[in-house]
Protein backbone atom coordinates (compact mmCIF):
# COMPACT_ATOMS: atom_id res chain seq x y z
CA MET A 1 -5.02 10.97 -36.71
CA GLU A 2 -4.48 8.52 -33.88
CA ARG A 3 -2.68 11.16 -31.81
CA LYS A 4 -5.50 13.64 -32.39
CA THR A 5 -8.12 11.07 -31.38
CA ARG A 6 -6.20 10.28 -28.21
CA ARG A 7 -5.95 13.98 -27.39
CA ASN A 8 -9.69 14.44 -27.89
CA LEU A 9 -10.42 11.48 -25.61
CA ARG A 10 -8.13 12.93 -22.97
CA GLU A 11 -9.84 16.32 -23.18
CA ARG A 12 -13.28 14.74 -22.87
CA PHE A 13 -12.73 12.12 -20.22
CA ALA A 14 -9.58 13.03 -18.26
CA LEU A 15 -10.42 13.63 -14.60
CA LYS A 16 -9.37 16.89 -12.98
CA ASN A 17 -10.15 16.05 -9.37
CA SER A 18 -7.03 14.55 -7.79
CA ILE A 19 -8.95 12.70 -5.07
CA VAL A 20 -11.13 10.93 -7.65
CA LYS A 21 -8.06 9.98 -9.69
CA GLU A 22 -6.35 8.58 -6.61
CA ALA A 23 -9.50 6.70 -5.61
CA LEU A 24 -9.67 5.04 -9.03
CA ALA A 25 -6.00 4.08 -8.71
CA GLU A 26 -6.57 2.55 -5.26
CA PHE A 27 -9.60 0.67 -6.59
CA LEU A 28 -7.75 -0.76 -9.57
CA GLY A 29 -4.61 -1.55 -7.59
CA THR A 30 -6.58 -3.45 -4.95
CA PHE A 31 -8.53 -5.24 -7.69
CA VAL A 32 -5.26 -6.46 -9.21
CA LEU A 33 -4.00 -7.57 -5.79
CA ILE A 34 -7.08 -9.71 -5.14
CA LEU A 35 -7.24 -11.05 -8.69
CA PHE A 36 -3.72 -12.47 -8.47
CA GLY A 37 -3.76 -13.31 -4.76
CA CYS A 38 -7.14 -14.98 -4.38
CA GLY A 39 -6.80 -16.36 -7.90
CA SER A 40 -3.72 -18.30 -6.79
CA VAL A 41 -5.64 -19.69 -3.80
CA ALA A 42 -8.56 -20.68 -6.03
CA GLN A 43 -6.28 -22.46 -8.49
CA THR A 44 -4.59 -24.39 -5.67
CA VAL A 45 -7.78 -25.37 -3.82
CA LEU A 46 -10.05 -26.11 -6.76
CA SER A 47 -7.43 -28.30 -8.46
CA ARG A 48 -7.01 -30.17 -5.15
CA GLY A 49 -3.31 -29.35 -5.24
CA ALA A 50 -2.74 -30.61 -8.78
CA VAL A 51 -1.67 -27.21 -10.15
CA GLY A 52 -0.71 -25.39 -6.98
CA GLU A 53 0.64 -25.59 -3.46
CA MET A 54 1.32 -23.25 -0.53
CA LEU A 55 4.26 -21.69 -2.34
CA THR A 56 1.95 -20.93 -5.27
CA ILE A 57 -0.21 -18.85 -2.94
CA HIS A 58 2.81 -17.01 -1.52
CA ILE A 59 4.01 -16.16 -5.01
CA GLY A 60 0.50 -15.14 -6.09
CA PHE A 61 0.13 -12.60 -3.31
CA THR A 62 3.73 -11.43 -3.69
CA LEU A 63 3.26 -10.69 -7.37
CA GLY A 64 -0.25 -9.38 -6.73
CA VAL A 65 1.07 -6.72 -4.37
CA THR A 66 3.97 -5.94 -6.71
CA MET A 67 1.71 -5.45 -9.73
CA ALA A 68 -0.81 -3.49 -7.65
CA VAL A 69 1.85 -0.99 -6.62
CA TYR A 70 3.10 -0.71 -10.21
CA VAL A 71 -0.47 -0.10 -11.41
CA ALA A 72 -1.43 2.58 -8.88
CA GLY A 73 1.90 3.77 -7.50
CA GLY A 74 2.27 6.74 -9.83
CA VAL A 75 -1.14 8.17 -8.98
CA SER A 76 -2.19 7.60 -5.37
CA GLY A 77 -0.33 8.18 -2.12
CA HIS A 78 1.66 11.26 -3.21
CA ASP A 79 0.58 13.98 -0.83
CA TRP A 80 4.13 15.08 -0.02
CA ASP A 81 4.74 16.87 -3.30
CA SER A 82 2.90 17.65 -6.51
CA LEU A 83 5.88 18.71 -8.59
CA LYS A 84 6.51 15.18 -9.74
CA HIS A 85 3.14 15.06 -11.49
CA CYS A 86 3.25 18.61 -12.87
CA PHE A 87 6.80 18.63 -14.20
CA PRO A 88 8.30 15.33 -15.40
CA MET A 89 11.85 16.72 -15.22
CA ALA A 90 11.45 18.11 -11.70
CA GLN A 91 12.83 15.06 -9.97
CA ALA A 92 15.96 14.91 -12.10
CA VAL A 93 16.61 18.64 -11.81
CA LEU A 94 15.93 19.01 -8.09
CA SER A 95 18.09 16.01 -7.25
CA ARG A 96 21.24 17.81 -8.43
CA PRO A 97 23.35 19.16 -5.56
CA ALA A 98 23.72 22.61 -7.11
CA CYS A 99 19.96 23.06 -7.41
CA GLU A 100 19.41 21.76 -3.92
CA ALA A 101 21.92 24.26 -2.53
CA MET A 102 20.39 27.07 -4.60
CA LEU A 103 16.88 26.40 -3.32
CA MET A 104 18.08 26.22 0.27
CA GLY A 105 19.98 29.45 -0.27
CA VAL A 106 16.91 31.22 -1.65
CA ALA A 107 14.86 30.04 1.31
CA LYS A 108 17.49 31.31 3.74
CA LEU A 109 17.78 34.67 1.99
CA LEU A 110 14.02 35.14 2.14
CA GLN A 111 14.05 34.33 5.82
CA LEU A 112 16.91 36.72 6.60
CA HIS A 113 15.80 39.61 4.40
CA CYS A 114 12.03 39.79 4.80
CA GLY A 115 11.36 37.76 7.90
CA CYS A 116 9.30 35.09 6.16
CA ASN A 117 9.74 31.49 7.12
CA PRO A 118 9.24 29.24 4.09
CA LYS A 119 8.78 25.53 4.54
CA PRO A 120 12.15 23.78 4.61
CA PHE A 121 13.28 22.16 1.39
CA LYS A 122 14.00 18.46 1.79
CA PRO A 123 16.55 17.47 -0.84
CA GLN A 124 16.75 13.85 0.24
CA GLY A 125 13.84 11.48 0.08
CA ILE A 126 11.34 13.97 -1.31
CA PHE A 127 10.46 11.80 -4.31
CA ASN A 128 11.54 8.44 -2.98
CA GLU A 129 8.17 7.50 -1.55
CA VAL A 130 5.93 5.20 -3.54
CA GLY A 131 2.17 5.43 -3.82
CA ALA A 132 -0.54 2.76 -3.99
CA HIS A 133 -1.51 1.89 -0.44
CA VAL A 134 -4.06 -0.80 -1.51
CA ASN A 135 -4.45 -1.45 2.22
CA PRO A 136 -6.43 0.56 4.80
CA ALA A 137 -3.80 -0.28 7.43
CA VAL A 138 -1.12 1.38 5.30
CA SER A 139 -3.38 4.38 4.66
CA LEU A 140 -4.05 4.78 8.39
CA ALA A 141 -0.33 4.56 9.14
CA MET A 142 0.40 7.25 6.54
CA LEU A 143 -2.37 9.39 8.01
CA VAL A 144 -0.84 9.12 11.48
CA LEU A 145 2.59 10.05 10.08
CA GLY A 146 1.16 13.06 8.25
CA LYS A 147 1.82 11.57 4.80
CA LEU A 148 -1.87 11.37 3.87
CA LYS A 149 -4.47 14.11 4.19
CA LEU A 150 -7.41 13.36 6.45
CA VAL A 151 -9.94 14.16 3.73
CA LYS A 152 -8.43 11.47 1.49
CA PHE A 153 -8.38 8.69 4.08
CA PRO A 154 -12.06 7.61 3.89
CA VAL A 155 -11.96 7.87 0.09
CA TYR A 156 -8.91 5.62 -0.10
CA VAL A 157 -10.42 3.07 2.27
CA LEU A 158 -13.73 2.93 0.40
CA ALA A 159 -11.94 2.51 -2.93
CA GLN A 160 -9.80 -0.28 -1.48
CA PHE A 161 -12.80 -2.20 -0.14
CA LEU A 162 -14.68 -1.83 -3.42
CA GLY A 163 -11.62 -2.93 -5.39
CA ALA A 164 -11.23 -6.01 -3.19
CA PHE A 165 -14.93 -6.86 -3.56
CA ALA A 166 -14.68 -6.52 -7.35
CA GLY A 167 -11.49 -8.59 -7.41
CA ALA A 168 -13.20 -11.41 -5.52
CA ALA A 169 -16.12 -11.28 -7.95
CA ALA A 170 -13.68 -11.55 -10.86
CA VAL A 171 -12.00 -14.62 -9.34
CA TYR A 172 -15.39 -16.25 -8.76
CA GLY A 173 -16.44 -15.54 -12.34
CA LEU A 174 -13.13 -16.81 -13.68
CA TYR A 175 -13.42 -20.13 -11.85
CA TYR A 176 -17.22 -20.44 -11.69
CA ASP A 177 -17.36 -23.84 -13.38
CA ALA A 178 -14.50 -25.10 -11.23
CA PHE A 179 -16.35 -23.94 -8.10
CA MET A 180 -19.48 -25.80 -9.18
CA ASP A 181 -17.50 -28.94 -9.98
CA TYR A 182 -15.59 -28.87 -6.69
CA THR A 183 -18.61 -28.16 -4.48
CA ASN A 184 -21.44 -29.79 -6.48
CA GLY A 185 -23.11 -26.39 -6.32
CA ILE A 186 -23.11 -26.24 -2.52
CA LEU A 187 -21.01 -23.33 -1.25
CA ILE A 188 -19.96 -23.91 2.35
CA VAL A 189 -17.65 -22.17 4.81
CA THR A 190 -16.33 -25.12 6.81
CA GLY A 191 -15.88 -28.81 6.09
CA PRO A 192 -13.92 -30.94 3.61
CA ASN A 193 -15.31 -29.13 0.55
CA ALA A 194 -15.21 -25.63 2.05
CA THR A 195 -14.27 -22.87 -0.38
CA ALA A 196 -14.87 -19.67 1.59
CA HIS A 197 -11.21 -19.64 2.64
CA ILE A 198 -10.29 -19.01 -0.98
CA PHE A 199 -11.45 -15.43 -0.49
CA ALA A 200 -10.94 -14.58 3.19
CA SER A 201 -8.97 -15.77 6.20
CA TYR A 202 -10.22 -18.21 8.82
CA PRO A 203 -8.35 -19.21 11.98
CA GLY A 204 -6.56 -22.50 12.47
CA ARG A 205 -8.06 -24.88 15.02
CA HIS A 206 -5.32 -24.05 17.50
CA LEU A 207 -5.77 -20.27 17.27
CA SER A 208 -7.55 -18.18 19.91
CA ILE A 209 -9.07 -14.77 19.23
CA LEU A 210 -6.40 -13.02 21.32
CA ASN A 211 -3.54 -14.84 19.62
CA GLY A 212 -5.12 -14.08 16.24
CA PHE A 213 -5.26 -10.39 17.07
CA ILE A 214 -1.61 -10.41 18.15
CA ASP A 215 -0.75 -12.26 14.93
CA GLN A 216 -2.31 -9.50 12.84
CA VAL A 217 -0.71 -6.70 14.85
CA ILE A 218 2.75 -8.21 14.44
CA GLY A 219 2.32 -9.13 10.78
CA THR A 220 0.92 -5.78 9.68
CA GLY A 221 3.31 -3.84 11.89
CA THR A 222 6.20 -5.61 10.19
CA LEU A 223 4.71 -4.86 6.78
CA VAL A 224 4.36 -1.12 7.41
CA LEU A 225 7.73 -0.82 9.14
CA CYS A 226 9.48 -2.44 6.17
CA ILE A 227 7.55 -0.34 3.64
CA LEU A 228 8.66 2.83 5.41
CA ALA A 229 12.26 1.64 5.32
CA ILE A 230 12.03 0.93 1.59
CA VAL A 231 10.64 4.37 0.70
CA ASP A 232 12.83 6.31 3.15
CA GLY A 233 15.22 8.34 1.02
CA LYS A 234 17.62 8.75 3.93
CA ASN A 235 17.82 5.02 4.58
CA ASN A 236 19.19 2.41 2.18
CA GLY A 237 15.81 2.21 0.46
CA ALA A 238 15.32 0.53 -2.91
CA PRO A 239 16.50 1.56 -6.39
CA LYS A 240 14.14 3.90 -8.20
CA GLY A 241 11.37 1.92 -9.88
CA MET A 242 12.17 -1.23 -7.91
CA GLU A 243 10.16 -0.30 -4.82
CA PRO A 244 7.07 -2.34 -5.84
CA LEU A 245 9.17 -5.46 -6.33
CA VAL A 246 10.86 -5.09 -2.94
CA ILE A 247 7.51 -4.40 -1.26
CA GLY A 248 6.24 -7.60 -2.84
CA LEU A 249 9.16 -9.46 -1.26
CA ILE A 250 7.95 -8.27 2.16
CA ILE A 251 4.73 -10.18 1.49
CA MET A 252 6.75 -13.26 0.58
CA ALA A 253 8.77 -12.98 3.80
CA ILE A 254 5.62 -12.61 5.91
CA GLY A 255 3.92 -15.48 4.08
CA VAL A 256 6.70 -17.99 4.63
CA SER A 257 7.17 -17.02 8.29
CA MET A 258 3.79 -15.89 9.64
CA GLY A 259 1.21 -17.82 7.65
CA LEU A 260 0.47 -20.75 9.94
CA ASN A 261 -2.15 -19.18 12.21
CA CYS A 262 -4.60 -17.68 9.74
CA GLY A 263 -2.92 -17.14 6.40
CA TYR A 264 -1.52 -13.60 6.94
CA PRO A 265 -4.42 -11.36 5.75
CA ILE A 266 -2.62 -8.20 7.11
CA ASN A 267 -5.03 -6.04 5.10
CA PRO A 268 -8.62 -5.18 6.15
CA ALA A 269 -9.74 -4.60 2.56
CA ARG A 270 -8.14 -7.80 1.29
CA ASP A 271 -10.07 -9.78 3.92
CA LEU A 272 -13.38 -8.02 4.49
CA GLY A 273 -14.01 -7.05 0.85
CA PRO A 274 -13.93 -10.64 -0.46
CA ARG A 275 -15.71 -11.84 2.69
CA LEU A 276 -18.60 -9.50 1.91
CA PHE A 277 -18.65 -10.87 -1.62
CA THR A 278 -18.90 -14.46 -0.37
CA ALA A 279 -21.73 -13.43 1.96
CA VAL A 280 -23.85 -12.24 -0.96
CA ALA A 281 -22.64 -14.78 -3.55
CA GLY A 282 -23.98 -17.88 -1.83
CA TRP A 283 -21.88 -18.71 1.21
CA GLY A 284 -24.23 -16.79 3.52
CA ARG A 285 -23.81 -15.38 7.02
CA ASP A 286 -21.56 -18.22 8.10
CA VAL A 287 -18.62 -16.26 6.68
CA PHE A 288 -19.02 -13.91 9.67
CA SER A 289 -19.91 -16.39 12.42
CA ALA A 290 -17.27 -19.01 11.60
CA GLY A 291 -14.24 -19.22 13.86
CA SER A 292 -16.03 -17.66 16.87
CA ASN A 293 -16.97 -14.57 14.85
CA TRP A 294 -13.43 -14.30 13.54
CA TRP A 295 -14.19 -11.75 10.81
CA TRP A 296 -13.38 -8.61 12.84
CA ILE A 297 -9.87 -9.75 13.81
CA PRO A 298 -8.30 -9.32 10.33
CA VAL A 299 -9.96 -5.89 10.19
CA SER A 300 -9.03 -4.42 13.58
CA GLY A 301 -5.68 -6.16 14.07
CA PRO A 302 -4.04 -4.77 10.92
CA LEU A 303 -5.27 -1.24 11.67
CA VAL A 304 -3.60 -1.36 15.08
CA GLY A 305 -0.52 -3.10 13.72
CA GLY A 306 -0.03 -0.59 10.93
CA VAL A 307 0.04 2.31 13.37
CA VAL A 308 2.37 0.42 15.71
CA GLY A 309 4.79 -0.32 12.87
CA ALA A 310 4.73 3.30 11.69
CA VAL A 311 5.38 4.68 15.17
CA LEU A 312 8.20 2.20 15.78
CA TYR A 313 9.95 3.20 12.55
CA LEU A 314 9.50 6.86 13.38
CA LEU A 315 10.90 6.52 16.90
CA PHE A 316 13.73 4.10 16.15
CA ILE A 317 14.89 5.28 12.70
CA GLU A 318 13.32 8.31 11.03
CA LEU A 319 13.66 10.78 13.90
CA HIS A 320 17.38 10.14 14.11
CA HIS A 321 18.39 10.85 10.52
CA ALA A 322 21.21 13.39 10.48
CA GLU A 323 21.12 16.31 8.09
CA PRO A 324 23.68 15.77 5.31
CA GLN A 325 26.86 17.62 6.31
CA LYS A 326 27.39 18.92 2.79
CA HIS A 327 24.04 20.69 2.74
CA LEU A 328 24.62 22.18 6.20
CA GLU A 329 27.99 23.59 5.09
CA GLU A 330 26.49 25.07 1.91
CA GLU A 331 23.64 26.61 3.89
CA ASN A 332 26.06 28.20 6.37
CA SER A 333 28.21 29.47 3.50
CA VAL A 334 25.22 31.16 1.85
CA LYS A 335 24.24 32.79 5.13
CA GLU A 336 27.78 34.08 5.77
CA LYS A 337 28.09 35.53 2.26
CA TYR A 338 24.71 37.22 2.58
CA GLU A 339 25.64 38.76 5.93
CA MET A 340 28.92 40.06 4.45
CA ILE A 341 27.06 41.72 1.58
CA MET A 342 24.45 43.29 3.85
CA SER A 343 27.09 44.63 6.22
């Protein structure tokens, strides 16, 4: 009975449009990221350090990113191949050397016999990539690399911003009484009882706009470069299913090494989404004017940095991967045997 009910629910409510499904995944993944990340900041600030410290915040965002990728990684960000979703056994079958050689042989025979030129089969790395961008900078980098369709990019970005906004609202609702106790009901952006920085980044007193922009370019570039290394099937990568955890460790590394200037936002949605929430929830327009109109730096800097990191990885690593010698030998052997038969 339970199985039948579940099947009926699936038939009634299951979405067919892949873009909508991926948008929902990006929304929920980003929501989880903000809930854990900003939640850890709120706990630390509102308790005045009694139940949290800087390391608490680093761990919160590390686990937030990890859980976000686990939540959405199997749905969004998989433009390179649809077989994984259609046939659960496809990955295991296609990863076997004999099947890889057979598919390459079929492609070569088609090319030789009828003149068609099928798209090359990529036996290595085809399923190693992980979804769940939960970051417009990552989505833009994937778009530039051809790993995300243009039509999906604005949908992903919108879903990410909405998810971040909703995540901030959830944190505020969770700690509403604590906010009121800490601030006496007065929500301010700067000063000793400021709480706006729980949700969005603000520059340190020493930080200039230019240095802040450079900070975001370097931080986000490092993030994207390392993500590409982790999901690159022809590099060392990460064990299957462990990619989200290793991606989370990138956040930890950035947090403990690049957090002094402005708290490493490195994600336009993570910063602007909650900032918009604070603007409408009582903190007002000061969230945009504070820090010499700082708000646009953690939006533009990561977008530039993500592309820079992607291009650097492409130029320094990905372009120079050698074709596996075994596959080249098998391909040549198939061609030679075919030519012998035809002659």
